[in-house]
Amino acid sequence: MSEWDESFRLAWPSTTQIIRYFGLMGDLEQFSNTAAMRRGRLVTAACHLIAAEESLGNGWEERHPECAPYLAAYRKFMREHEFTILEAEREYRSETLRFISHPDQIGMLDGKSPVDLELKSGSMPRWCRLQTAGQVLAIGNPMRRYALHLKVDGEYNLIPHEDYRDLDRFRAMVDVWWTVQEYTNGRNSDD
């Protein structure tokens, strides 16, 4: 099956599109701006390179001083925890639920089995638990889920997402999303 659902001719939604559809990302939409979103993308990309022990490039940090405290927080996390990155931003497709997801980082944390590590610089939204639930559902592996909140003061919080009801909640959201698409777009084949 391709990215396009053959019965509806709709592109499969992403994890965040599903969460946004249900109005749960209001905090991001209300308090975020273009500069903060750009900074977040830069911080995430830099963290991938730091985890892989690769260079950010000559002068990168001087050109992006707004990222400095968040990268300091990530480097502190890397000093205080054993984290081995296995992959970053890989696309996963849930064939059964028909959605796609791009986990920030999958890696080994403190010698344990692989974990899903979602990076957040700025605020820590409540819906992040649903985001990591969607990610592990798309991966098809019930791994441990964490958010790594990188703070402007150079500190971090490693937040475990341990409520497995989030997986059921996200499954229900995807199902409702597809049901709404089917019935509001006149694609119900029973008509």
N, C-alpha and C. Protein backbone atom coordinates (compact mmCIF):
# COMPACT_ATOMS: atom_id res chain seq x y z
N MET A 1 0.86 -1.18 0.00
CA MET A 1 0.00 0.00 0.00
C MET A 1 0.90 1.24 0.00
N SER A 2 0.52 2.24 -0.70
CA SER A 2 1.33 3.45 -0.80
C SER A 2 0.90 4.46 0.25
N GLU A 3 1.55 5.63 0.20
CA GLU A 3 1.20 6.72 1.12
C GLU A 3 -0.25 7.13 0.92
N TRP A 4 -0.75 6.93 -0.25
CA TRP A 4 -2.13 7.30 -0.56
C TRP A 4 -3.04 6.13 -0.27
N ASP A 5 -4.07 6.36 0.49
CA ASP A 5 -5.04 5.32 0.76
C ASP A 5 -5.86 5.13 -0.51
N GLU A 6 -5.80 3.93 -1.06
CA GLU A 6 -6.44 3.68 -2.35
C GLU A 6 -7.96 3.85 -2.31
N SER A 7 -8.59 3.53 -1.20
CA SER A 7 -10.05 3.64 -1.16
C SER A 7 -10.54 5.07 -1.04
N PHE A 8 -9.73 5.97 -0.48
CA PHE A 8 -10.18 7.34 -0.29
C PHE A 8 -9.38 8.36 -1.10
N ARG A 9 -8.23 7.97 -1.60
CA ARG A 9 -7.35 8.88 -2.33
C ARG A 9 -6.94 10.07 -1.46
N LEU A 10 -6.70 9.81 -0.18
CA LEU A 10 -6.21 10.84 0.73
C LEU A 10 -4.80 10.49 1.17
N ALA A 11 -3.97 11.49 1.32
CA ALA A 11 -2.63 11.25 1.87
C ALA A 11 -2.77 10.82 3.32
N TRP A 12 -1.93 9.91 3.72
CA TRP A 12 -1.95 9.48 5.11
C TRP A 12 -1.51 10.65 5.98
N PRO A 13 -2.19 10.85 7.11
CA PRO A 13 -1.80 11.95 8.00
C PRO A 13 -0.56 11.58 8.81
N SER A 14 0.11 12.60 9.31
CA SER A 14 1.25 12.38 10.20
C SER A 14 0.75 12.38 11.65
N THR A 15 1.61 11.96 12.53
CA THR A 15 1.28 11.96 13.96
C THR A 15 0.81 13.34 14.41
N THR A 16 1.58 14.36 14.07
CA THR A 16 1.22 15.71 14.53
C THR A 16 -0.03 16.24 13.83
N GLN A 17 -0.27 15.84 12.58
CA GLN A 17 -1.50 16.27 11.91
C GLN A 17 -2.72 15.71 12.64
N ILE A 18 -2.62 14.49 13.11
CA ILE A 18 -3.74 13.88 13.84
C ILE A 18 -3.97 14.62 15.16
N ILE A 19 -2.90 14.88 15.89
CA ILE A 19 -3.03 15.59 17.16
C ILE A 19 -3.59 16.99 16.94
N ARG A 20 -3.11 17.67 15.92
CA ARG A 20 -3.60 19.02 15.60
C ARG A 20 -5.08 18.99 15.20
N TYR A 21 -5.49 17.99 14.45
CA TYR A 21 -6.87 17.85 14.01
C TYR A 21 -7.84 17.88 15.19
N PHE A 22 -7.44 17.27 16.30
CA PHE A 22 -8.30 17.20 17.47
C PHE A 22 -8.17 18.42 18.38
N GLY A 23 -7.46 19.43 17.93
CA GLY A 23 -7.36 20.68 18.67
C GLY A 23 -6.47 20.62 19.90
N LEU A 24 -5.60 19.62 19.95
CA LEU A 24 -4.77 19.46 21.14
C LEU A 24 -3.46 20.23 21.08
N MET A 25 -3.18 20.87 19.96
CA MET A 25 -1.93 21.61 19.82
C MET A 25 -2.13 23.11 19.95
N GLY A 26 -3.18 23.52 20.61
CA GLY A 26 -3.48 24.94 20.76
C GLY A 26 -2.36 25.71 21.42
N ASP A 27 -1.67 25.07 22.38
CA ASP A 27 -0.56 25.76 23.04
C ASP A 27 0.56 26.08 22.06
N LEU A 28 0.86 25.16 21.18
CA LEU A 28 1.90 25.40 20.18
C LEU A 28 1.48 26.51 19.23
N GLU A 29 0.26 26.42 18.77
CA GLU A 29 -0.22 27.41 17.81
C GLU A 29 -0.38 28.79 18.44
N GLN A 30 -0.72 28.84 19.73
CA GLN A 30 -0.93 30.11 20.40
C GLN A 30 0.39 30.79 20.77
N PHE A 31 1.36 30.01 21.26
CA PHE A 31 2.57 30.61 21.81
C PHE A 31 3.79 30.51 20.90
N SER A 32 3.70 29.75 19.84
CA SER A 32 4.85 29.59 18.98
C SER A 32 4.87 30.67 17.90
N ASN A 33 6.03 30.85 17.31
CA ASN A 33 6.16 31.78 16.20
C ASN A 33 7.19 31.21 15.24
N THR A 34 7.34 31.86 14.10
CA THR A 34 8.23 31.36 13.06
C THR A 34 9.66 31.23 13.55
N ALA A 35 10.14 32.21 14.31
CA ALA A 35 11.52 32.16 14.81
C ALA A 35 11.72 30.99 15.78
N ALA A 36 10.75 30.76 16.66
CA ALA A 36 10.87 29.65 17.62
C ALA A 36 10.82 28.31 16.90
N MET A 37 9.97 28.20 15.90
CA MET A 37 9.88 26.95 15.15
C MET A 37 11.18 26.69 14.38
N ARG A 38 11.75 27.73 13.81
CA ARG A 38 13.02 27.59 13.10
C ARG A 38 14.11 27.17 14.07
N ARG A 39 14.17 27.83 15.22
CA ARG A 39 15.16 27.47 16.22
C ARG A 39 15.00 26.01 16.64
N GLY A 40 13.76 25.58 16.83
CA GLY A 40 13.51 24.19 17.21
C GLY A 40 14.03 23.20 16.17
N ARG A 41 13.82 23.50 14.89
CA ARG A 41 14.34 22.63 13.83
C ARG A 41 15.87 22.61 13.83
N LEU A 42 16.48 23.78 14.03
CA LEU A 42 17.95 23.86 14.08
C LEU A 42 18.50 23.08 15.27
N VAL A 43 17.88 23.24 16.43
CA VAL A 43 18.33 22.54 17.64
C VAL A 43 18.22 21.04 17.44
N THR A 44 17.11 20.58 16.91
CA THR A 44 16.92 19.14 16.70
C THR A 44 17.97 18.59 15.74
N ALA A 45 18.19 19.27 14.63
CA ALA A 45 19.20 18.81 13.66
C ALA A 45 20.59 18.78 14.29
N ALA A 46 20.93 19.81 15.07
CA ALA A 46 22.23 19.86 15.73
C ALA A 46 22.37 18.73 16.74
N CYS A 47 21.30 18.44 17.47
CA CYS A 47 21.34 17.35 18.46
C CYS A 47 21.59 16.00 17.79
N HIS A 48 21.03 15.81 16.60
CA HIS A 48 21.30 14.56 15.86
C HIS A 48 22.79 14.43 15.57
N LEU A 49 23.41 15.53 15.15
CA LEU A 49 24.84 15.50 14.85
C LEU A 49 25.67 15.29 16.11
N ILE A 50 25.30 15.97 17.19
CA ILE A 50 26.02 15.80 18.46
C ILE A 50 25.94 14.35 18.93
N ALA A 51 24.75 13.76 18.85
CA ALA A 51 24.58 12.36 19.28
C ALA A 51 25.42 11.41 18.43
N ALA A 52 25.54 11.74 17.15
CA ALA A 52 26.33 10.90 16.23
C ALA A 52 27.82 11.24 16.28
N GLU A 53 28.19 12.15 17.19
CA GLU A 53 29.57 12.60 17.35
C GLU A 53 30.14 13.16 16.04
N GLU A 54 29.30 13.92 15.35
CA GLU A 54 29.71 14.58 14.11
C GLU A 54 29.78 16.09 14.34
N SER A 55 30.52 16.75 13.49
CA SER A 55 30.70 18.19 13.59
C SER A 55 29.44 18.94 13.15
N LEU A 56 29.18 20.05 13.80
CA LEU A 56 28.09 20.91 13.37
C LEU A 56 28.51 21.78 12.18
N GLY A 57 29.76 21.77 11.88
CA GLY A 57 30.26 22.58 10.76
C GLY A 57 30.96 23.82 11.28
N ASN A 58 31.88 24.27 10.52
CA ASN A 58 32.71 25.42 10.89
C ASN A 58 31.84 26.67 11.08
N GLY A 59 31.83 27.21 12.28
CA GLY A 59 31.12 28.45 12.57
C GLY A 59 29.62 28.32 12.77
N TRP A 60 29.09 27.10 12.77
CA TRP A 60 27.64 26.92 12.87
C TRP A 60 27.09 27.55 14.16
N GLU A 61 27.73 27.26 15.28
CA GLU A 61 27.22 27.75 16.56
C GLU A 61 27.32 29.26 16.66
N GLU A 62 28.31 29.86 16.06
CA GLU A 62 28.42 31.32 16.05
C GLU A 62 27.31 31.94 15.19
N ARG A 63 26.93 31.27 14.13
CA ARG A 63 25.85 31.78 13.27
C ARG A 63 24.47 31.59 13.88
N HIS A 64 24.37 30.69 14.87
CA HIS A 64 23.06 30.38 15.48
C HIS A 64 23.16 30.47 17.01
N PRO A 65 23.47 31.65 17.55
CA PRO A 65 23.62 31.77 19.01
C PRO A 65 22.32 31.50 19.76
N GLU A 66 21.19 31.65 19.10
CA GLU A 66 19.91 31.37 19.76
C GLU A 66 19.77 29.91 20.16
N CYS A 67 20.57 29.03 19.56
CA CYS A 67 20.51 27.60 19.86
C CYS A 67 21.41 27.20 21.02
N ALA A 68 22.34 28.06 21.41
CA ALA A 68 23.40 27.71 22.37
C ALA A 68 22.89 27.10 23.68
N PRO A 69 21.91 27.70 24.37
CA PRO A 69 21.52 27.10 25.65
C PRO A 69 20.87 25.72 25.49
N TYR A 70 20.17 25.51 24.40
CA TYR A 70 19.50 24.23 24.16
C TYR A 70 20.53 23.14 23.83
N LEU A 71 21.56 23.53 23.08
CA LEU A 71 22.63 22.57 22.78
C LEU A 71 23.45 22.27 24.03
N ALA A 72 23.63 23.28 24.89
CA ALA A 72 24.30 23.04 26.17
C ALA A 72 23.50 22.03 27.00
N ALA A 73 22.18 22.16 26.98
CA ALA A 73 21.32 21.21 27.70
C ALA A 73 21.46 19.80 27.13
N TYR A 74 21.49 19.69 25.81
CA TYR A 74 21.63 18.36 25.18
C TYR A 74 22.99 17.77 25.50
N ARG A 75 24.03 18.58 25.44
CA ARG A 75 25.37 18.08 25.77
C ARG A 75 25.44 17.63 27.24
N LYS A 76 24.76 18.34 28.11
CA LYS A 76 24.71 17.94 29.52
C LYS A 76 24.00 16.59 29.64
N PHE A 77 22.89 16.43 28.93
CA PHE A 77 22.18 15.14 28.91
C PHE A 77 23.13 14.03 28.45
N MET A 78 23.89 14.28 27.39
CA MET A 78 24.80 13.26 26.85
C MET A 78 25.92 12.93 27.84
N ARG A 79 26.36 13.90 28.64
CA ARG A 79 27.38 13.64 29.67
C ARG A 79 26.81 12.83 30.83
N GLU A 80 25.56 13.09 31.17
CA GLU A 80 24.97 12.47 32.36
C GLU A 80 24.27 11.14 32.08
N HIS A 81 24.05 10.84 30.82
CA HIS A 81 23.40 9.58 30.44
C HIS A 81 24.20 8.91 29.33
N GLU A 82 24.10 7.62 29.29
CA GLU A 82 24.69 6.88 28.19
C GLU A 82 23.62 6.78 27.11
N PHE A 83 23.78 7.54 26.04
CA PHE A 83 22.81 7.51 24.93
C PHE A 83 23.55 7.26 23.64
N THR A 84 23.16 6.19 22.96
CA THR A 84 23.73 5.85 21.66
C THR A 84 22.62 5.97 20.63
N ILE A 85 22.77 6.91 19.73
CA ILE A 85 21.73 7.11 18.73
C ILE A 85 21.80 6.00 17.68
N LEU A 86 20.63 5.47 17.36
CA LEU A 86 20.53 4.44 16.33
C LEU A 86 20.00 5.03 15.03
N GLU A 87 19.08 5.98 15.16
CA GLU A 87 18.53 6.64 13.98
C GLU A 87 17.86 7.94 14.39
N ALA A 88 17.70 8.82 13.39
CA ALA A 88 17.08 10.12 13.64
C ALA A 88 16.14 10.46 12.49
N GLU A 89 14.94 10.87 12.85
CA GLU A 89 13.95 11.39 11.89
C GLU A 89 13.60 10.41 10.78
N ARG A 90 13.74 9.13 11.02
CA ARG A 90 13.36 8.13 10.01
C ARG A 90 11.85 8.10 9.88
N GLU A 91 11.38 7.93 8.67
CA GLU A 91 9.93 7.85 8.46
C GLU A 91 9.46 6.43 8.69
N TYR A 92 8.41 6.32 9.49
CA TYR A 92 7.74 5.04 9.72
C TYR A 92 6.30 5.17 9.24
N ARG A 93 5.78 4.07 8.71
CA ARG A 93 4.40 4.04 8.22
C ARG A 93 3.65 2.92 8.93
N SER A 94 2.55 3.25 9.53
CA SER A 94 1.70 2.23 10.13
C SER A 94 0.72 1.78 9.05
N GLU A 95 0.97 0.60 8.52
CA GLU A 95 0.10 0.07 7.46
C GLU A 95 -1.30 -0.23 7.99
N THR A 96 -1.39 -0.69 9.23
CA THR A 96 -2.71 -1.04 9.77
C THR A 96 -3.54 0.19 10.13
N LEU A 97 -2.89 1.23 10.69
CA LEU A 97 -3.64 2.42 11.10
C LEU A 97 -3.61 3.54 10.05
N ARG A 98 -2.75 3.41 9.05
CA ARG A 98 -2.66 4.35 7.93
C ARG A 98 -2.26 5.76 8.36
N PHE A 99 -1.09 5.86 8.97
CA PHE A 99 -0.51 7.17 9.27
C PHE A 99 1.00 7.03 9.23
N ILE A 100 1.69 8.18 9.18
CA ILE A 100 3.15 8.19 9.15
C ILE A 100 3.69 8.95 10.37
N SER A 101 4.93 8.66 10.71
CA SER A 101 5.53 9.29 11.87
C SER A 101 7.04 9.41 11.66
N HIS A 102 7.63 10.43 12.27
CA HIS A 102 9.07 10.69 12.18
C HIS A 102 9.63 10.93 13.58
N PRO A 103 9.94 9.89 14.34
CA PRO A 103 10.51 10.08 15.68
C PRO A 103 11.82 10.86 15.60
N ASP A 104 12.03 11.77 16.55
CA ASP A 104 13.26 12.55 16.56
C ASP A 104 14.49 11.65 16.65
N GLN A 105 14.54 10.85 17.70
CA GLN A 105 15.70 9.98 17.90
C GLN A 105 15.26 8.65 18.47
N ILE A 106 15.84 7.59 17.95
CA ILE A 106 15.71 6.26 18.52
C ILE A 106 17.12 5.88 18.94
N GLY A 107 17.26 5.42 20.17
CA GLY A 107 18.59 5.06 20.63
C GLY A 107 18.56 4.23 21.89
N MET A 108 19.74 3.82 22.29
CA MET A 108 19.92 3.05 23.52
C MET A 108 20.18 4.05 24.64
N LEU A 109 19.38 3.99 25.68
CA LEU A 109 19.50 4.92 26.80
C LEU A 109 19.93 4.16 28.05
N ASP A 110 21.07 4.54 28.59
CA ASP A 110 21.59 3.97 29.83
C ASP A 110 21.64 2.44 29.79
N GLY A 111 22.08 1.92 28.65
CA GLY A 111 22.28 0.48 28.50
C GLY A 111 21.01 -0.33 28.33
N LYS A 112 19.89 0.31 28.19
CA LYS A 112 18.62 -0.42 28.05
C LYS A 112 18.25 -0.57 26.58
N SER A 113 17.20 -1.31 26.34
CA SER A 113 16.72 -1.53 24.98
C SER A 113 16.38 -0.20 24.31
N PRO A 114 16.19 -0.18 23.00
CA PRO A 114 15.93 1.08 22.30
C PRO A 114 14.76 1.87 22.90
N VAL A 115 14.91 3.19 22.87
CA VAL A 115 13.87 4.09 23.35
C VAL A 115 13.56 5.12 22.26
N ASP A 116 12.36 5.67 22.32
CA ASP A 116 11.95 6.78 21.48
C ASP A 116 12.20 8.04 22.30
N LEU A 117 13.05 8.93 21.78
CA LEU A 117 13.40 10.16 22.49
C LEU A 117 12.93 11.35 21.66
N GLU A 118 11.91 12.03 22.15
CA GLU A 118 11.35 13.20 21.48
C GLU A 118 11.98 14.45 22.08
N LEU A 119 12.62 15.26 21.23
CA LEU A 119 13.30 16.47 21.69
C LEU A 119 12.35 17.65 21.65
N LYS A 120 12.35 18.44 22.72
CA LYS A 120 11.53 19.65 22.78
C LYS A 120 12.39 20.78 23.32
N SER A 121 12.49 21.86 22.55
CA SER A 121 13.16 23.06 23.03
C SER A 121 12.09 24.15 23.06
N GLY A 122 11.93 24.78 24.16
CA GLY A 122 10.81 25.69 24.35
C GLY A 122 9.90 25.08 25.39
N SER A 123 8.63 25.07 25.11
CA SER A 123 7.67 24.53 26.09
C SER A 123 7.60 23.01 25.97
N MET A 124 7.03 22.39 27.01
CA MET A 124 6.79 20.95 27.00
C MET A 124 5.29 20.73 26.95
N PRO A 125 4.76 20.47 25.77
CA PRO A 125 3.31 20.35 25.64
C PRO A 125 2.77 19.04 26.22
N ARG A 126 1.57 19.10 26.74
CA ARG A 126 0.93 17.91 27.30
C ARG A 126 0.72 16.83 26.25
N TRP A 127 0.50 17.24 25.01
CA TRP A 127 0.22 16.28 23.95
C TRP A 127 1.45 15.50 23.50
N CYS A 128 2.62 15.80 24.03
CA CYS A 128 3.83 15.09 23.63
C CYS A 128 3.72 13.59 23.91
N ARG A 129 3.01 13.22 24.97
CA ARG A 129 2.81 11.79 25.28
C ARG A 129 2.06 11.10 24.15
N LEU A 130 1.09 11.79 23.56
CA LEU A 130 0.37 11.21 22.42
C LEU A 130 1.28 11.13 21.19
N GLN A 131 2.15 12.10 21.05
CA GLN A 131 3.09 12.10 19.93
C GLN A 131 4.01 10.88 20.00
N THR A 132 4.60 10.64 21.17
CA THR A 132 5.49 9.48 21.29
C THR A 132 4.70 8.17 21.18
N ALA A 133 3.45 8.17 21.63
CA ALA A 133 2.62 6.97 21.47
C ALA A 133 2.41 6.67 19.99
N GLY A 134 2.08 7.71 19.22
CA GLY A 134 1.92 7.52 17.78
C GLY A 134 3.21 7.04 17.13
N GLN A 135 4.33 7.57 17.58
CA GLN A 135 5.62 7.16 17.01
C GLN A 135 5.89 5.69 17.22
N VAL A 136 5.71 5.19 18.46
CA VAL A 136 6.00 3.78 18.69
C VAL A 136 4.97 2.88 18.02
N LEU A 137 3.74 3.35 17.86
CA LEU A 137 2.76 2.57 17.10
C LEU A 137 3.19 2.44 15.64
N ALA A 138 3.68 3.54 15.07
CA ALA A 138 4.14 3.49 13.68
C ALA A 138 5.37 2.60 13.54
N ILE A 139 6.25 2.65 14.51
CA ILE A 139 7.45 1.81 14.50
C ILE A 139 7.06 0.34 14.60
N GLY A 140 6.00 0.07 15.36
CA GLY A 140 5.56 -1.32 15.55
C GLY A 140 6.33 -2.03 16.65
N ASN A 141 6.92 -1.26 17.55
CA ASN A 141 7.71 -1.81 18.64
C ASN A 141 7.33 -1.07 19.92
N PRO A 142 6.80 -1.77 20.91
CA PRO A 142 6.36 -1.08 22.14
C PRO A 142 7.53 -0.69 23.04
N MET A 143 8.41 0.17 22.51
CA MET A 143 9.59 0.59 23.27
C MET A 143 9.24 1.68 24.28
N ARG A 144 10.15 1.92 25.19
CA ARG A 144 9.99 3.00 26.16
C ARG A 144 10.00 4.33 25.43
N ARG A 145 9.23 5.27 25.97
CA ARG A 145 9.08 6.59 25.34
C ARG A 145 9.51 7.66 26.33
N TYR A 146 10.25 8.65 25.80
CA TYR A 146 10.70 9.77 26.63
C TYR A 146 10.60 11.06 25.84
N ALA A 147 10.40 12.14 26.57
CA ALA A 147 10.58 13.48 26.03
C ALA A 147 11.82 14.05 26.71
N LEU A 148 12.65 14.71 25.93
CA LEU A 148 13.81 15.39 26.48
C LEU A 148 13.57 16.88 26.31
N HIS A 149 13.23 17.53 27.42
CA HIS A 149 12.93 18.96 27.41
C HIS A 149 14.23 19.72 27.60
N LEU A 150 14.67 20.38 26.54
CA LEU A 150 15.89 21.19 26.57
C LEU A 150 15.48 22.62 26.92
N LYS A 151 16.08 23.16 27.95
CA LYS A 151 15.62 24.45 28.48
C LYS A 151 16.59 25.58 28.14
N VAL A 152 16.05 26.78 28.15
CA VAL A 152 16.81 27.98 27.80
C VAL A 152 17.92 28.29 28.81
N ASP A 153 17.85 27.70 30.01
CA ASP A 153 18.90 27.93 31.01
C ASP A 153 20.03 26.89 30.93
N GLY A 154 20.00 26.05 29.88
CA GLY A 154 21.04 25.05 29.71
C GLY A 154 20.80 23.76 30.47
N GLU A 155 19.67 23.67 31.13
CA GLU A 155 19.29 22.47 31.86
C GLU A 155 18.34 21.63 31.00
N TYR A 156 18.04 20.44 31.47
CA TYR A 156 17.10 19.57 30.74
C TYR A 156 16.27 18.76 31.74
N ASN A 157 15.16 18.27 31.27
CA ASN A 157 14.36 17.29 32.00
C ASN A 157 14.15 16.10 31.08
N LEU A 158 14.44 14.92 31.56
CA LEU A 158 14.15 13.69 30.84
C LEU A 158 12.85 13.15 31.41
N ILE A 159 11.81 13.15 30.61
CA ILE A 159 10.46 12.86 31.09
C ILE A 159 9.99 11.53 30.50
N PRO A 160 9.83 10.51 31.36
CA PRO A 160 9.32 9.24 30.84
C PRO A 160 7.83 9.34 30.53
N HIS A 161 7.44 8.73 29.45
CA HIS A 161 6.02 8.63 29.09
C HIS A 161 5.60 7.19 29.36
N GLU A 162 5.10 6.96 30.55
CA GLU A 162 4.86 5.60 31.02
C GLU A 162 3.41 5.16 30.97
N ASP A 163 2.51 6.05 30.61
CA ASP A 163 1.09 5.70 30.59
C ASP A 163 0.77 5.02 29.25
N TYR A 164 0.63 3.72 29.30
CA TYR A 164 0.39 2.98 28.07
C TYR A 164 -1.02 3.19 27.52
N ARG A 165 -1.88 3.84 28.29
CA ARG A 165 -3.19 4.21 27.74
C ARG A 165 -3.05 5.20 26.60
N ASP A 166 -1.91 5.92 26.55
CA ASP A 166 -1.67 6.85 25.44
C ASP A 166 -1.68 6.13 24.10
N LEU A 167 -1.22 4.88 24.07
CA LEU A 167 -1.24 4.11 22.83
C LEU A 167 -2.67 3.88 22.37
N ASP A 168 -3.54 3.49 23.28
CA ASP A 168 -4.95 3.29 22.94
C ASP A 168 -5.60 4.61 22.53
N ARG A 169 -5.27 5.67 23.23
CA ARG A 169 -5.83 6.98 22.89
C ARG A 169 -5.43 7.39 21.48
N PHE A 170 -4.16 7.20 21.13
CA PHE A 170 -3.73 7.58 19.80
C PHE A 170 -4.38 6.69 18.73
N ARG A 171 -4.48 5.40 19.00
CA ARG A 171 -5.18 4.50 18.05
C ARG A 171 -6.60 4.99 17.81
N ALA A 172 -7.28 5.38 18.87
CA ALA A 172 -8.66 5.86 18.74
C ALA A 172 -8.70 7.15 17.92
N MET A 173 -7.74 8.03 18.14
CA MET A 173 -7.71 9.29 17.38
C MET A 173 -7.53 9.03 15.89
N VAL A 174 -6.65 8.11 15.54
CA VAL A 174 -6.43 7.78 14.13
C VAL A 174 -7.70 7.21 13.53
N ASP A 175 -8.34 6.31 14.26
CA ASP A 175 -9.57 5.70 13.76
C ASP A 175 -10.65 6.74 13.53
N VAL A 176 -10.81 7.65 14.48
CA VAL A 176 -11.82 8.71 14.32
C VAL A 176 -11.44 9.63 13.15
N TRP A 177 -10.16 9.95 13.01
CA TRP A 177 -9.71 10.80 11.90
C TRP A 177 -10.14 10.19 10.57
N TRP A 178 -9.87 8.89 10.39
CA TRP A 178 -10.24 8.23 9.13
C TRP A 178 -11.76 8.12 8.97
N THR A 179 -12.48 7.89 10.07
CA THR A 179 -13.94 7.82 10.00
C THR A 179 -14.52 9.15 9.54
N VAL A 180 -14.02 10.24 10.10
CA VAL A 180 -14.48 11.57 9.70
C VAL A 180 -14.17 11.81 8.23
N GLN A 181 -12.97 11.42 7.79
CA GLN A 181 -12.63 11.61 6.38
C GLN A 181 -13.59 10.84 5.48
N GLU A 182 -13.90 9.63 5.88
CA GLU A 182 -14.79 8.79 5.07
C GLU A 182 -16.20 9.36 5.00
N TYR A 183 -16.74 9.77 6.13
CA TYR A 183 -18.14 10.18 6.15
C TYR A 183 -18.37 11.65 5.80
N THR A 184 -17.39 12.51 6.01
CA THR A 184 -17.62 13.93 5.68
C THR A 184 -17.22 14.24 4.25
N ASN A 185 -16.47 13.38 3.63
CA ASN A 185 -16.06 13.62 2.27
C ASN A 185 -16.86 12.80 1.26
N GLY A 186 -17.97 12.24 1.72
CA GLY A 186 -18.84 11.50 0.80
C GLY A 186 -18.20 10.26 0.24
N ARG A 187 -17.34 9.64 0.99
CA ARG A 187 -16.64 8.47 0.47
C ARG A 187 -17.13 7.18 1.11
N ASN A 188 -18.25 7.21 1.75
CA ASN A 188 -18.80 6.01 2.34
C ASN A 188 -19.31 5.12 1.22
N SER A 189 -18.72 3.95 1.07
CA SER A 189 -19.06 3.07 -0.05
C SER A 189 -20.44 2.42 0.08
N ASP A 190 -21.08 2.59 1.26
CA ASP A 190 -22.41 1.99 1.45
C ASP A 190 -23.52 2.83 0.84
N ASP A 191 -23.22 4.03 0.37
CA ASP A 191 -24.26 4.92 -0.18
C ASP A 191 -24.77 4.40 -1.51
